[in-house]
């Protein structure tokens, strides 16, 4: 009783009003076409904004209807969940990109799929170059033979950790303390997600300390 005779556009959020009007006008001008879905914010009886998904169909030519039929449902929780996921992804992306540690992903052959900014600084390679490389190629030549053992451990245990010796683009040897895990959930193919910290200075200091103690 409270809604009959009222213009539903009066309940639409001012920012979404142009979209609602455009959608309505589009339906009015195109009878017999496929329904079009649109999501707008509408005010409920208590003044709260709810996300409403409406599917409009032009049935003005139907003798028994002579109107535009809109099937609508409340999708507020879905939209808020999507917004929360996006916010979480943005925070994670910010954390990854600004981390001082190397963060990367690679497939089960070792081909690099993603490397953050810290990874490019530590390795000396550009991001474009890294994404064309296999992780094995980053290792110092004398330890590359151990790479298959690492891959086998990762697949068997779902994780692998230890000390990695790499050779930078400039030919410098650096030591990275890594902890990698196997990720398979919701993915077409399993990948390894890795995090590594440059501990070269610590290793050099420990070596000097041992030499000093021996003397």
N, C-alpha and C. Protein backbone atom coordinates (compact mmCIF):
# COMPACT_ATOMS: atom_id res chain seq x y z
N UNK A 1 0.82 -1.21 0.00
CA UNK A 1 0.00 0.00 0.00
C UNK A 1 0.86 1.27 0.00
N UNK A 2 1.99 1.21 0.72
CA UNK A 2 2.86 2.39 0.80
C UNK A 2 3.63 2.63 -0.49
N UNK A 3 3.80 1.58 -1.29
CA UNK A 3 4.64 1.70 -2.48
C UNK A 3 3.86 1.94 -3.76
N UNK A 4 2.65 1.42 -3.82
CA UNK A 4 1.86 1.55 -5.04
C UNK A 4 1.62 3.03 -5.37
N UNK A 5 1.87 3.39 -6.62
CA UNK A 5 1.66 4.77 -7.07
C UNK A 5 2.87 5.66 -6.88
N UNK A 6 3.89 5.16 -6.17
CA UNK A 6 5.10 5.96 -5.94
C UNK A 6 6.12 5.68 -7.05
N UNK A 7 6.95 6.67 -7.35
CA UNK A 7 8.03 6.51 -8.33
C UNK A 7 9.22 5.87 -7.62
N UNK A 8 9.60 4.69 -8.06
CA UNK A 8 10.66 3.99 -7.34
C UNK A 8 12.01 4.72 -7.44
N UNK A 9 12.17 5.61 -8.43
CA UNK A 9 13.42 6.36 -8.55
C UNK A 9 13.65 7.26 -7.33
N UNK A 10 12.57 7.54 -6.60
CA UNK A 10 12.70 8.34 -5.40
C UNK A 10 13.46 7.64 -4.29
N UNK A 11 13.58 6.32 -4.38
CA UNK A 11 14.32 5.56 -3.36
C UNK A 11 15.77 5.29 -3.77
N UNK A 12 16.11 5.64 -5.03
CA UNK A 12 17.45 5.35 -5.54
C UNK A 12 18.44 6.40 -5.03
N UNK A 13 19.66 5.95 -4.69
CA UNK A 13 20.73 6.84 -4.22
C UNK A 13 21.03 7.88 -5.31
N UNK A 14 21.21 9.16 -4.91
CA UNK A 14 21.46 10.22 -5.90
C UNK A 14 22.60 9.91 -6.87
N UNK A 15 23.67 9.25 -6.37
CA UNK A 15 24.81 8.94 -7.24
C UNK A 15 24.46 7.86 -8.26
N UNK A 16 23.49 7.01 -7.93
CA UNK A 16 23.10 5.92 -8.83
C UNK A 16 21.90 6.26 -9.70
N UNK A 17 21.32 7.45 -9.47
CA UNK A 17 20.11 7.84 -10.19
C UNK A 17 20.33 7.91 -11.70
N UNK A 18 21.43 8.49 -12.19
CA UNK A 18 21.64 8.52 -13.65
C UNK A 18 21.66 7.12 -14.26
N UNK A 19 22.30 6.16 -13.57
CA UNK A 19 22.35 4.79 -14.07
C UNK A 19 20.97 4.16 -14.10
N UNK A 20 20.18 4.40 -13.04
CA UNK A 20 18.83 3.83 -12.98
C UNK A 20 17.94 4.42 -14.08
N UNK A 21 18.04 5.74 -14.29
CA UNK A 21 17.24 6.39 -15.33
C UNK A 21 17.64 5.90 -16.72
N UNK A 22 18.94 5.79 -16.93
CA UNK A 22 19.43 5.33 -18.24
C UNK A 22 18.96 3.91 -18.53
N UNK A 23 19.02 3.05 -17.50
CA UNK A 23 18.59 1.67 -17.67
C UNK A 23 17.10 1.59 -17.96
N UNK A 24 16.31 2.39 -17.24
CA UNK A 24 14.86 2.40 -17.43
C UNK A 24 14.49 2.89 -18.84
N UNK A 25 15.17 3.96 -19.27
CA UNK A 25 14.89 4.52 -20.59
C UNK A 25 15.30 3.54 -21.68
N UNK A 26 16.40 2.84 -21.45
CA UNK A 26 16.86 1.85 -22.41
C UNK A 26 15.84 0.72 -22.56
N UNK A 27 15.28 0.29 -21.43
CA UNK A 27 14.25 -0.77 -21.48
C UNK A 27 12.99 -0.26 -22.18
N UNK A 28 12.64 1.00 -21.93
CA UNK A 28 11.41 1.56 -22.52
C UNK A 28 11.49 1.61 -24.04
N UNK A 29 12.69 1.88 -24.57
CA UNK A 29 12.86 2.05 -26.00
C UNK A 29 13.08 0.73 -26.74
N UNK A 30 13.33 -0.35 -26.00
CA UNK A 30 13.66 -1.61 -26.66
C UNK A 30 12.74 -2.75 -26.21
N UNK A 31 11.50 -2.75 -26.66
CA UNK A 31 10.59 -3.84 -26.28
C UNK A 31 11.04 -5.15 -26.91
N UNK A 32 10.84 -6.22 -26.17
CA UNK A 32 11.13 -7.55 -26.69
C UNK A 32 12.59 -7.95 -26.66
N UNK A 33 13.48 -7.08 -26.15
CA UNK A 33 14.89 -7.44 -26.07
C UNK A 33 15.18 -8.20 -24.78
N UNK A 34 16.38 -8.78 -24.72
CA UNK A 34 16.75 -9.57 -23.54
C UNK A 34 16.84 -8.68 -22.30
N UNK A 35 16.48 -9.21 -21.13
CA UNK A 35 16.55 -8.43 -19.90
C UNK A 35 17.98 -7.96 -19.62
N UNK A 36 18.11 -6.80 -18.98
CA UNK A 36 19.41 -6.24 -18.64
C UNK A 36 19.47 -6.05 -17.13
N UNK A 37 20.57 -6.50 -16.53
CA UNK A 37 20.74 -6.40 -15.08
C UNK A 37 21.51 -5.13 -14.72
N UNK A 38 21.10 -4.50 -13.63
CA UNK A 38 21.79 -3.31 -13.13
C UNK A 38 21.72 -3.32 -11.61
N UNK A 39 22.79 -2.85 -10.95
CA UNK A 39 22.84 -2.79 -9.48
C UNK A 39 22.90 -1.33 -9.05
N UNK A 40 21.94 -0.94 -8.21
CA UNK A 40 21.90 0.43 -7.67
C UNK A 40 21.62 0.37 -6.17
N UNK A 41 21.95 1.46 -5.50
CA UNK A 41 21.64 1.57 -4.07
C UNK A 41 20.26 2.17 -3.90
N UNK A 42 19.47 1.53 -3.04
CA UNK A 42 18.12 2.03 -2.74
C UNK A 42 17.96 2.15 -1.23
N UNK A 43 17.17 3.14 -0.84
CA UNK A 43 16.92 3.36 0.58
C UNK A 43 15.80 2.44 1.07
N UNK A 44 16.01 1.81 2.23
CA UNK A 44 14.93 1.02 2.81
C UNK A 44 14.07 1.93 3.70
N UNK A 45 13.11 1.35 4.37
CA UNK A 45 12.15 2.15 5.16
C UNK A 45 12.84 2.91 6.29
N UNK A 46 13.98 2.34 6.78
CA UNK A 46 14.69 2.97 7.90
C UNK A 46 15.77 3.94 7.44
N UNK A 47 15.86 4.16 6.13
CA UNK A 47 16.85 5.11 5.62
C UNK A 47 18.22 4.50 5.37
N UNK A 48 18.33 3.17 5.44
CA UNK A 48 19.60 2.50 5.17
C UNK A 48 19.73 2.22 3.68
N UNK A 49 20.94 2.34 3.16
CA UNK A 49 21.16 2.07 1.75
C UNK A 49 21.43 0.60 1.53
N UNK A 50 20.66 0.00 0.64
CA UNK A 50 20.81 -1.41 0.29
C UNK A 50 21.15 -1.53 -1.19
N UNK A 51 21.99 -2.47 -1.54
CA UNK A 51 22.31 -2.71 -2.95
C UNK A 51 21.25 -3.63 -3.56
N UNK A 52 20.59 -3.14 -4.59
CA UNK A 52 19.51 -3.89 -5.23
C UNK A 52 19.90 -4.20 -6.68
N UNK A 53 19.83 -5.47 -7.04
CA UNK A 53 20.09 -5.88 -8.41
C UNK A 53 18.74 -6.07 -9.11
N UNK A 54 18.52 -5.27 -10.14
CA UNK A 54 17.25 -5.33 -10.87
C UNK A 54 17.44 -5.85 -12.28
N UNK A 55 16.52 -6.70 -12.71
CA UNK A 55 16.54 -7.26 -14.06
C UNK A 55 15.28 -6.77 -14.76
N UNK A 56 15.44 -5.82 -15.69
CA UNK A 56 14.28 -5.20 -16.32
C UNK A 56 13.92 -5.80 -17.67
N UNK A 57 12.63 -6.02 -17.89
CA UNK A 57 12.13 -6.55 -19.16
C UNK A 57 10.99 -5.68 -19.66
N UNK A 58 11.08 -5.25 -20.91
CA UNK A 58 10.03 -4.41 -21.50
C UNK A 58 8.86 -5.30 -21.94
N UNK A 59 7.72 -5.14 -21.26
CA UNK A 59 6.51 -5.90 -21.63
C UNK A 59 5.36 -4.94 -21.90
N UNK A 60 5.71 -3.75 -22.43
CA UNK A 60 4.69 -2.74 -22.73
C UNK A 60 3.72 -3.22 -23.81
N UNK A 61 4.23 -4.09 -24.69
CA UNK A 61 3.39 -4.57 -25.78
C UNK A 61 2.52 -5.76 -25.38
N UNK A 62 2.78 -6.31 -24.18
CA UNK A 62 1.98 -7.44 -23.71
C UNK A 62 0.64 -6.91 -23.18
N UNK A 63 -0.44 -7.39 -23.76
CA UNK A 63 -1.77 -6.89 -23.40
C UNK A 63 -2.06 -7.03 -21.91
N UNK A 64 -1.59 -8.15 -21.33
CA UNK A 64 -1.91 -8.41 -19.92
C UNK A 64 -1.00 -7.67 -18.95
N UNK A 65 0.08 -7.04 -19.47
CA UNK A 65 1.05 -6.38 -18.58
C UNK A 65 1.09 -4.88 -18.83
N UNK A 66 1.44 -4.51 -20.07
CA UNK A 66 1.58 -3.11 -20.46
C UNK A 66 2.47 -2.32 -19.48
N UNK A 67 3.64 -2.87 -19.23
CA UNK A 67 4.58 -2.20 -18.35
C UNK A 67 5.97 -2.79 -18.46
N UNK A 68 6.88 -2.20 -17.72
CA UNK A 68 8.24 -2.75 -17.63
C UNK A 68 8.32 -3.56 -16.35
N UNK A 69 8.63 -4.84 -16.49
CA UNK A 69 8.69 -5.73 -15.34
C UNK A 69 10.11 -5.78 -14.81
N UNK A 70 10.29 -5.52 -13.53
CA UNK A 70 11.61 -5.55 -12.91
C UNK A 70 11.63 -6.61 -11.81
N UNK A 71 12.47 -7.60 -11.99
CA UNK A 71 12.71 -8.57 -10.93
C UNK A 71 13.92 -8.08 -10.14
N UNK A 72 13.73 -7.86 -8.86
CA UNK A 72 14.81 -7.28 -8.06
C UNK A 72 15.10 -8.14 -6.83
N UNK A 73 16.38 -8.14 -6.44
CA UNK A 73 16.77 -8.85 -5.22
C UNK A 73 17.83 -8.06 -4.48
N UNK A 74 17.87 -8.23 -3.18
CA UNK A 74 18.82 -7.54 -2.32
C UNK A 74 20.17 -8.27 -2.39
N UNK A 75 21.20 -7.58 -2.88
CA UNK A 75 22.54 -8.19 -3.00
C UNK A 75 23.54 -7.44 -2.12
N UNK A 76 23.05 -6.79 -1.07
CA UNK A 76 23.91 -5.98 -0.20
C UNK A 76 25.06 -6.80 0.38
N UNK A 77 24.74 -7.97 0.91
CA UNK A 77 25.80 -8.77 1.55
C UNK A 77 26.83 -9.21 0.53
N UNK A 78 26.39 -9.56 -0.68
CA UNK A 78 27.32 -9.98 -1.72
C UNK A 78 28.25 -8.83 -2.10
N UNK A 79 27.67 -7.64 -2.29
CA UNK A 79 28.47 -6.48 -2.68
C UNK A 79 29.47 -6.12 -1.60
N UNK A 80 29.02 -6.15 -0.35
CA UNK A 80 29.93 -5.82 0.76
C UNK A 80 31.05 -6.84 0.89
N UNK A 81 30.72 -8.10 0.63
CA UNK A 81 31.75 -9.14 0.67
C UNK A 81 32.77 -8.91 -0.44
N UNK A 82 32.30 -8.55 -1.63
CA UNK A 82 33.19 -8.26 -2.76
C UNK A 82 34.08 -7.06 -2.44
N UNK A 83 33.50 -6.04 -1.80
CA UNK A 83 34.27 -4.86 -1.44
C UNK A 83 35.34 -5.21 -0.41
N UNK A 84 34.99 -6.08 0.54
CA UNK A 84 35.95 -6.50 1.55
C UNK A 84 37.10 -7.28 0.93
N UNK A 85 36.76 -8.12 -0.05
CA UNK A 85 37.81 -8.89 -0.75
C UNK A 85 38.73 -7.95 -1.51
N UNK A 86 38.15 -6.96 -2.20
CA UNK A 86 38.97 -6.01 -2.95
C UNK A 86 39.88 -5.23 -2.01
N UNK A 87 39.33 -4.80 -0.86
CA UNK A 87 40.14 -4.05 0.10
C UNK A 87 41.27 -4.91 0.63
N UNK A 88 40.96 -6.19 0.89
CA UNK A 88 41.97 -7.12 1.38
C UNK A 88 43.06 -7.33 0.33
N UNK A 89 42.64 -7.46 -0.93
CA UNK A 89 43.61 -7.65 -2.02
C UNK A 89 44.49 -6.43 -2.18
N UNK A 90 43.91 -5.24 -2.02
CA UNK A 90 44.69 -4.01 -2.14
C UNK A 90 45.72 -3.91 -1.01
N UNK A 91 45.30 -4.28 0.22
CA UNK A 91 46.24 -4.26 1.34
C UNK A 91 47.36 -5.26 1.12
N UNK A 92 46.99 -6.46 0.62
CA UNK A 92 48.00 -7.49 0.36
C UNK A 92 48.96 -7.04 -0.73
N UNK A 93 48.40 -6.43 -1.80
CA UNK A 93 49.23 -5.95 -2.90
C UNK A 93 50.20 -4.87 -2.41
N UNK A 94 49.70 -3.98 -1.56
CA UNK A 94 50.55 -2.92 -1.00
C UNK A 94 51.65 -3.53 -0.15
N UNK A 95 51.29 -4.53 0.66
CA UNK A 95 52.27 -5.19 1.52
C UNK A 95 53.35 -5.87 0.68
N UNK A 96 52.93 -6.57 -0.38
CA UNK A 96 53.88 -7.29 -1.24
C UNK A 96 54.81 -6.33 -1.96
N UNK A 97 54.22 -5.27 -2.55
CA UNK A 97 55.02 -4.36 -3.35
C UNK A 97 56.00 -3.54 -2.51
N UNK A 98 55.64 -3.26 -1.26
CA UNK A 98 56.50 -2.43 -0.41
C UNK A 98 57.33 -3.24 0.58
N UNK A 99 57.26 -4.56 0.49
CA UNK A 99 58.04 -5.41 1.38
C UNK A 99 59.52 -5.30 1.04
N UNK A 100 60.36 -5.35 2.06
CA UNK A 100 61.81 -5.35 1.86
C UNK A 100 62.31 -6.75 1.53
N UNK A 101 61.46 -7.75 1.72
CA UNK A 101 61.81 -9.13 1.41
C UNK A 101 61.40 -9.46 -0.02
N UNK A 102 62.13 -10.39 -0.61
CA UNK A 102 61.76 -10.88 -1.94
C UNK A 102 60.52 -11.75 -1.82
N UNK A 103 59.50 -11.46 -2.61
CA UNK A 103 58.29 -12.27 -2.65
C UNK A 103 58.05 -12.66 -4.10
N UNK A 104 57.84 -13.94 -4.34
CA UNK A 104 57.67 -14.39 -5.72
C UNK A 104 56.75 -15.61 -5.77
N UNK A 105 56.32 -15.96 -6.96
CA UNK A 105 55.63 -17.23 -7.21
C UNK A 105 56.29 -17.87 -8.42
N UNK A 106 56.28 -19.20 -8.44
CA UNK A 106 56.80 -19.92 -9.61
C UNK A 106 56.02 -21.21 -9.78
N UNK A 107 56.03 -21.75 -10.99
CA UNK A 107 55.33 -23.00 -11.24
C UNK A 107 56.19 -24.17 -10.77
N UNK A 108 55.71 -25.39 -10.97
CA UNK A 108 56.41 -26.56 -10.44
C UNK A 108 57.62 -26.97 -11.28
N UNK A 109 57.91 -26.18 -12.32
CA UNK A 109 59.16 -26.37 -13.06
C UNK A 109 60.19 -25.30 -12.66
N UNK A 110 59.72 -24.31 -11.89
CA UNK A 110 60.62 -23.26 -11.45
C UNK A 110 60.51 -21.97 -12.24
N UNK A 111 59.62 -21.93 -13.23
CA UNK A 111 59.46 -20.71 -14.04
C UNK A 111 58.81 -19.62 -13.20
N UNK A 112 59.43 -18.47 -13.13
CA UNK A 112 58.93 -17.38 -12.30
C UNK A 112 57.67 -16.77 -12.90
N UNK A 113 56.65 -16.58 -12.05
CA UNK A 113 55.36 -16.04 -12.48
C UNK A 113 55.14 -14.63 -11.96
N UNK A 114 55.74 -14.33 -10.81
CA UNK A 114 55.61 -13.00 -10.20
C UNK A 114 56.81 -12.76 -9.31
N UNK A 115 57.33 -11.53 -9.36
CA UNK A 115 58.42 -11.11 -8.47
C UNK A 115 58.14 -9.67 -8.06
N UNK A 116 58.23 -9.38 -6.78
CA UNK A 116 57.96 -8.02 -6.32
C UNK A 116 59.17 -7.11 -6.53
N UNK A 117 59.00 -5.84 -6.18
CA UNK A 117 60.03 -4.83 -6.41
C UNK A 117 61.32 -5.17 -5.66
N UNK A 118 61.19 -5.70 -4.45
CA UNK A 118 62.38 -6.06 -3.68
C UNK A 118 63.19 -7.13 -4.40
N UNK A 119 62.49 -8.03 -5.10
CA UNK A 119 63.18 -9.08 -5.85
C UNK A 119 64.04 -8.52 -6.97
N UNK A 120 63.55 -7.48 -7.64
CA UNK A 120 64.33 -6.87 -8.72
C UNK A 120 65.55 -6.15 -8.15
N UNK A 121 65.39 -5.52 -6.98
CA UNK A 121 66.52 -4.80 -6.37
C UNK A 121 67.59 -5.77 -5.89
N UNK A 122 67.18 -6.87 -5.27
CA UNK A 122 68.14 -7.84 -4.76
C UNK A 122 68.87 -8.55 -5.89
N UNK A 123 68.13 -8.94 -6.92
CA UNK A 123 68.73 -9.72 -8.01
C UNK A 123 69.46 -8.86 -9.03
N UNK A 124 69.03 -7.60 -9.17
CA UNK A 124 69.64 -6.74 -10.16
C UNK A 124 69.04 -6.90 -11.55
N UNK A 125 68.11 -7.83 -11.70
CA UNK A 125 67.43 -8.04 -12.98
C UNK A 125 66.16 -7.20 -13.03
N UNK A 126 65.75 -6.79 -14.21
CA UNK A 126 64.47 -6.10 -14.36
C UNK A 126 63.35 -7.11 -14.16
N UNK A 127 62.16 -6.60 -13.84
CA UNK A 127 61.02 -7.49 -13.65
C UNK A 127 60.69 -8.24 -14.93
N UNK A 128 60.82 -7.56 -16.06
CA UNK A 128 60.54 -8.18 -17.35
C UNK A 128 61.48 -9.36 -17.60
N UNK A 129 62.76 -9.17 -17.25
CA UNK A 129 63.74 -10.25 -17.44
C UNK A 129 63.45 -11.41 -16.50
N UNK A 130 63.14 -11.10 -15.25
CA UNK A 130 62.88 -12.15 -14.26
C UNK A 130 61.72 -13.05 -14.68
N UNK A 131 60.68 -12.45 -15.26
CA UNK A 131 59.51 -13.23 -15.64
C UNK A 131 59.74 -14.11 -16.86
N UNK A 132 60.92 -14.00 -17.45
CA UNK A 132 61.31 -14.88 -18.55
C UNK A 132 62.31 -15.94 -18.08
N UNK A 133 62.65 -15.88 -16.77
CA UNK A 133 63.68 -16.75 -16.22
C UNK A 133 63.07 -17.90 -15.42
N UNK A 134 63.88 -18.93 -15.24
CA UNK A 134 63.58 -20.01 -14.31
C UNK A 134 64.36 -19.72 -13.04
N UNK A 135 63.77 -20.02 -11.90
CA UNK A 135 64.43 -19.74 -10.63
C UNK A 135 65.81 -20.39 -10.57
N UNK A 136 65.96 -21.53 -11.22
CA UNK A 136 67.25 -22.23 -11.25
C UNK A 136 68.36 -21.31 -11.80
N UNK A 137 67.99 -20.47 -12.79
CA UNK A 137 68.97 -19.59 -13.42
C UNK A 137 69.47 -18.51 -12.48
N UNK A 138 68.68 -18.20 -11.43
CA UNK A 138 69.11 -17.20 -10.47
C UNK A 138 70.12 -17.74 -9.48
N UNK A 139 70.16 -19.06 -9.34
CA UNK A 139 71.07 -19.67 -8.36
C UNK A 139 72.52 -19.53 -8.81
N UNK A 140 73.42 -19.49 -7.83
CA UNK A 140 74.85 -19.51 -8.14
C UNK A 140 75.15 -20.84 -8.84
N UNK A 141 75.99 -20.84 -9.87
CA UNK A 141 76.25 -22.05 -10.67
C UNK A 141 76.60 -23.28 -9.83
N UNK A 142 77.33 -23.10 -8.74
CA UNK A 142 77.78 -24.24 -7.94
C UNK A 142 76.67 -24.93 -7.16
N UNK A 143 75.49 -24.31 -7.07
CA UNK A 143 74.40 -24.94 -6.30
C UNK A 143 73.18 -25.26 -7.16
N UNK A 144 73.24 -25.03 -8.45
CA UNK A 144 72.08 -25.26 -9.31
C UNK A 144 71.68 -26.73 -9.35
N UNK A 145 72.64 -27.61 -9.11
CA UNK A 145 72.35 -29.04 -9.11
C UNK A 145 71.41 -29.46 -7.99
N UNK A 146 71.22 -28.61 -6.99
CA UNK A 146 70.34 -28.94 -5.86
C UNK A 146 68.89 -28.53 -6.11
N UNK A 147 68.64 -27.87 -7.24
CA UNK A 147 67.31 -27.31 -7.46
C UNK A 147 66.23 -28.37 -7.58
N UNK A 148 66.53 -29.48 -8.25
CA UNK A 148 65.54 -30.55 -8.39
C UNK A 148 65.16 -31.14 -7.04
N UNK A 149 66.12 -31.20 -6.13
CA UNK A 149 65.84 -31.70 -4.78
C UNK A 149 64.87 -30.76 -4.07
N UNK A 150 65.06 -29.45 -4.28
CA UNK A 150 64.15 -28.47 -3.69
C UNK A 150 62.73 -28.65 -4.22
N UNK A 151 62.58 -28.80 -5.55
CA UNK A 151 61.27 -28.98 -6.16
C UNK A 151 60.59 -30.25 -5.64
N UNK A 152 61.36 -31.32 -5.49
CA UNK A 152 60.81 -32.59 -5.00
C UNK A 152 60.32 -32.44 -3.56
N UNK A 153 61.10 -31.74 -2.74
CA UNK A 153 60.71 -31.53 -1.33
C UNK A 153 59.45 -30.67 -1.25
N UNK A 154 59.38 -29.66 -2.09
CA UNK A 154 58.22 -28.76 -2.10
C UNK A 154 56.94 -29.54 -2.43
N UNK A 155 57.01 -30.42 -3.42
CA UNK A 155 55.83 -31.19 -3.83
C UNK A 155 55.48 -32.27 -2.82
N UNK A 156 56.50 -32.86 -2.19
CA UNK A 156 56.25 -33.94 -1.25
C UNK A 156 55.71 -33.43 0.09
N UNK A 157 56.24 -32.32 0.58
CA UNK A 157 55.89 -31.80 1.90
C UNK A 157 54.96 -30.60 1.86
N UNK A 158 54.84 -29.99 0.68
CA UNK A 158 54.00 -28.79 0.59
C UNK A 158 54.71 -27.54 1.02
N UNK A 159 55.97 -27.67 1.42
CA UNK A 159 56.76 -26.50 1.82
C UNK A 159 58.24 -26.84 1.77
N UNK A 160 59.05 -25.80 1.71
CA UNK A 160 60.50 -25.98 1.72
C UNK A 160 61.12 -24.71 2.27
N UNK A 161 62.18 -24.86 3.03
CA UNK A 161 62.84 -23.68 3.59
C UNK A 161 64.33 -23.95 3.72
N UNK A 162 65.09 -22.88 3.79
CA UNK A 162 66.53 -23.04 3.91
C UNK A 162 67.26 -21.80 3.45
N UNK A 163 68.50 -22.01 3.01
CA UNK A 163 69.37 -20.92 2.56
C UNK A 163 69.61 -21.07 1.07
N UNK A 164 69.40 -20.01 0.33
CA UNK A 164 69.55 -20.04 -1.12
C UNK A 164 70.69 -19.10 -1.52
N UNK A 165 71.58 -19.58 -2.35
CA UNK A 165 72.70 -18.78 -2.82
C UNK A 165 72.40 -18.37 -4.27
N UNK A 166 72.28 -17.07 -4.51
CA UNK A 166 71.97 -16.60 -5.86
C UNK A 166 73.13 -15.81 -6.45
N UNK A 167 73.07 -15.66 -7.75
CA UNK A 167 74.04 -14.83 -8.46
C UNK A 167 73.29 -13.69 -9.10
N UNK A 168 73.63 -12.45 -8.74
CA UNK A 168 72.91 -11.29 -9.25
C UNK A 168 73.28 -11.03 -10.71
N UNK A 169 72.58 -10.10 -11.31
CA UNK A 169 72.86 -9.74 -12.70
C UNK A 169 74.27 -9.21 -12.86
N UNK A 170 74.82 -8.63 -11.77
CA UNK A 170 76.18 -8.09 -11.81
C UNK A 170 77.23 -9.16 -11.50
N UNK A 171 76.79 -10.41 -11.24
CA UNK A 171 77.71 -11.49 -10.95
C UNK A 171 78.06 -11.63 -9.48
N UNK A 172 77.41 -10.85 -8.62
CA UNK A 172 77.67 -10.91 -7.18
C UNK A 172 76.90 -12.06 -6.55
N UNK A 173 77.49 -12.73 -5.58
CA UNK A 173 76.83 -13.81 -4.85
C UNK A 173 76.14 -13.24 -3.62
N UNK A 174 74.86 -13.60 -3.46
CA UNK A 174 74.12 -13.16 -2.28
C UNK A 174 73.39 -14.36 -1.69
N UNK A 175 73.16 -14.30 -0.38
CA UNK A 175 72.50 -15.39 0.34
C UNK A 175 71.11 -14.95 0.77
N UNK A 176 70.12 -15.80 0.47
CA UNK A 176 68.74 -15.50 0.84
C UNK A 176 68.19 -16.63 1.70
N UNK A 177 67.59 -16.25 2.80
CA UNK A 177 66.93 -17.22 3.69
C UNK A 177 65.48 -17.31 3.22
N UNK A 178 65.04 -18.48 2.75
CA UNK A 178 63.72 -18.58 2.13
C UNK A 178 62.79 -19.53 2.87
N UNK A 179 61.51 -19.30 2.68
CA UNK A 179 60.45 -20.18 3.19
C UNK A 179 59.34 -20.18 2.15
N UNK A 180 59.21 -21.28 1.43
CA UNK A 180 58.25 -21.39 0.32
C UNK A 180 57.17 -22.40 0.63
N UNK A 181 55.97 -22.15 0.13
CA UNK A 181 54.86 -23.07 0.35
C UNK A 181 54.18 -23.37 -0.98
N UNK A 182 53.57 -24.54 -1.06
CA UNK A 182 52.84 -24.95 -2.26
C UNK A 182 51.40 -24.48 -2.14
N UNK A 183 50.90 -23.81 -3.17
CA UNK A 183 49.53 -23.30 -3.20
C UNK A 183 48.77 -23.99 -4.32
N UNK A 184 47.65 -24.62 -3.97
CA UNK A 184 46.88 -25.33 -5.00
C UNK A 184 45.39 -24.99 -4.97
N UNK A 185 44.89 -24.48 -3.85
CA UNK A 185 43.46 -24.23 -3.69
C UNK A 185 42.98 -23.15 -4.65
N UNK A 186 41.91 -23.43 -5.37
CA UNK A 186 41.26 -22.51 -6.31
C UNK A 186 42.17 -22.10 -7.47
N UNK A 187 43.17 -22.91 -7.77
CA UNK A 187 44.07 -22.62 -8.87
C UNK A 187 43.99 -23.72 -9.92
N UNK A 188 44.17 -23.33 -11.18
CA UNK A 188 44.13 -24.32 -12.26
C UNK A 188 45.29 -25.29 -12.14
N UNK A 189 46.45 -24.78 -11.68
CA UNK A 189 47.63 -25.61 -11.50
C UNK A 189 48.37 -25.14 -10.26
N UNK A 190 48.96 -26.05 -9.48
CA UNK A 190 49.66 -25.65 -8.26
C UNK A 190 50.83 -24.71 -8.57
N UNK A 191 51.09 -23.80 -7.65
CA UNK A 191 52.25 -22.91 -7.76
C UNK A 191 52.94 -22.83 -6.41
N UNK A 192 54.16 -22.37 -6.42
CA UNK A 192 54.91 -22.16 -5.18
C UNK A 192 54.90 -20.67 -4.87
N UNK A 193 54.61 -20.33 -3.63
CA UNK A 193 54.67 -18.94 -3.19
C UNK A 193 55.86 -18.81 -2.25
N UNK A 194 56.77 -17.94 -2.60
CA UNK A 194 58.01 -17.85 -1.84
C UNK A 194 58.26 -16.49 -1.22
N UNK A 195 58.92 -16.51 -0.08
CA UNK A 195 59.37 -15.29 0.58
C UNK A 195 60.80 -15.52 1.02
N UNK A 196 61.68 -14.57 0.69
CA UNK A 196 63.09 -14.73 1.02
C UNK A 196 63.66 -13.41 1.53
N UNK A 197 64.54 -13.53 2.52
CA UNK A 197 65.19 -12.35 3.11
C UNK A 197 66.68 -12.39 2.79
N UNK A 198 67.20 -11.26 2.37
CA UNK A 198 68.63 -11.16 2.05
C UNK A 198 69.43 -11.14 3.36
N UNK A 199 70.23 -12.18 3.57
CA UNK A 199 71.02 -12.29 4.81
C UNK A 199 72.51 -12.28 4.48
N UNK A 200 72.87 -11.71 3.33
CA UNK A 200 74.27 -11.70 2.90
C UNK A 200 75.17 -11.02 3.91
N UNK A 201 74.77 -9.83 4.39
CA UNK A 201 75.60 -9.10 5.34
C UNK A 201 75.76 -9.90 6.64
N UNK A 202 74.69 -10.56 7.07
CA UNK A 202 74.76 -11.38 8.28
C UNK A 202 75.73 -12.53 8.10
N UNK A 203 75.66 -13.19 6.93
CA UNK A 203 76.55 -14.31 6.64
C UNK A 203 78.01 -13.85 6.61
N UNK A 204 78.25 -12.70 6.00
CA UNK A 204 79.61 -12.17 5.93
C UNK A 204 80.14 -11.82 7.31
N UNK A 205 79.26 -11.25 8.13
CA UNK A 205 79.66 -10.89 9.50
C UNK A 205 79.99 -12.13 10.31
N UNK A 206 79.16 -13.18 10.17
CA UNK A 206 79.42 -14.44 10.89
C UNK A 206 80.73 -15.06 10.44
N UNK A 207 81.03 -14.97 9.14
CA UNK A 207 82.28 -15.51 8.61
C UNK A 207 83.47 -14.78 9.20
N UNK A 208 83.38 -13.44 9.27
CA UNK A 208 84.44 -12.64 9.85
C UNK A 208 84.62 -12.96 11.34
N UNK A 209 83.50 -13.17 12.03
CA UNK A 209 83.54 -13.49 13.45
C UNK A 209 84.22 -14.82 13.70
N UNK A 210 83.87 -15.81 12.85
CA UNK A 210 84.51 -17.13 12.99
C UNK A 210 86.02 -17.04 12.74
N UNK A 211 86.40 -16.26 11.72
CA UNK A 211 87.83 -16.09 11.42
C UNK A 211 88.54 -15.40 12.57
N UNK A 212 87.88 -14.43 13.18
CA UNK A 212 88.45 -13.71 14.30
C UNK A 212 88.63 -14.64 15.50
N UNK A 213 87.61 -15.48 15.76
CA UNK A 213 87.69 -16.42 16.88
C UNK A 213 88.81 -17.45 16.67
N UNK A 214 88.99 -17.88 15.41
CA UNK A 214 90.05 -18.83 15.11
C UNK A 214 91.42 -18.22 15.34
N UNK A 215 91.57 -16.93 14.94
CA UNK A 215 92.84 -16.26 15.18
C UNK A 215 93.10 -16.09 16.68
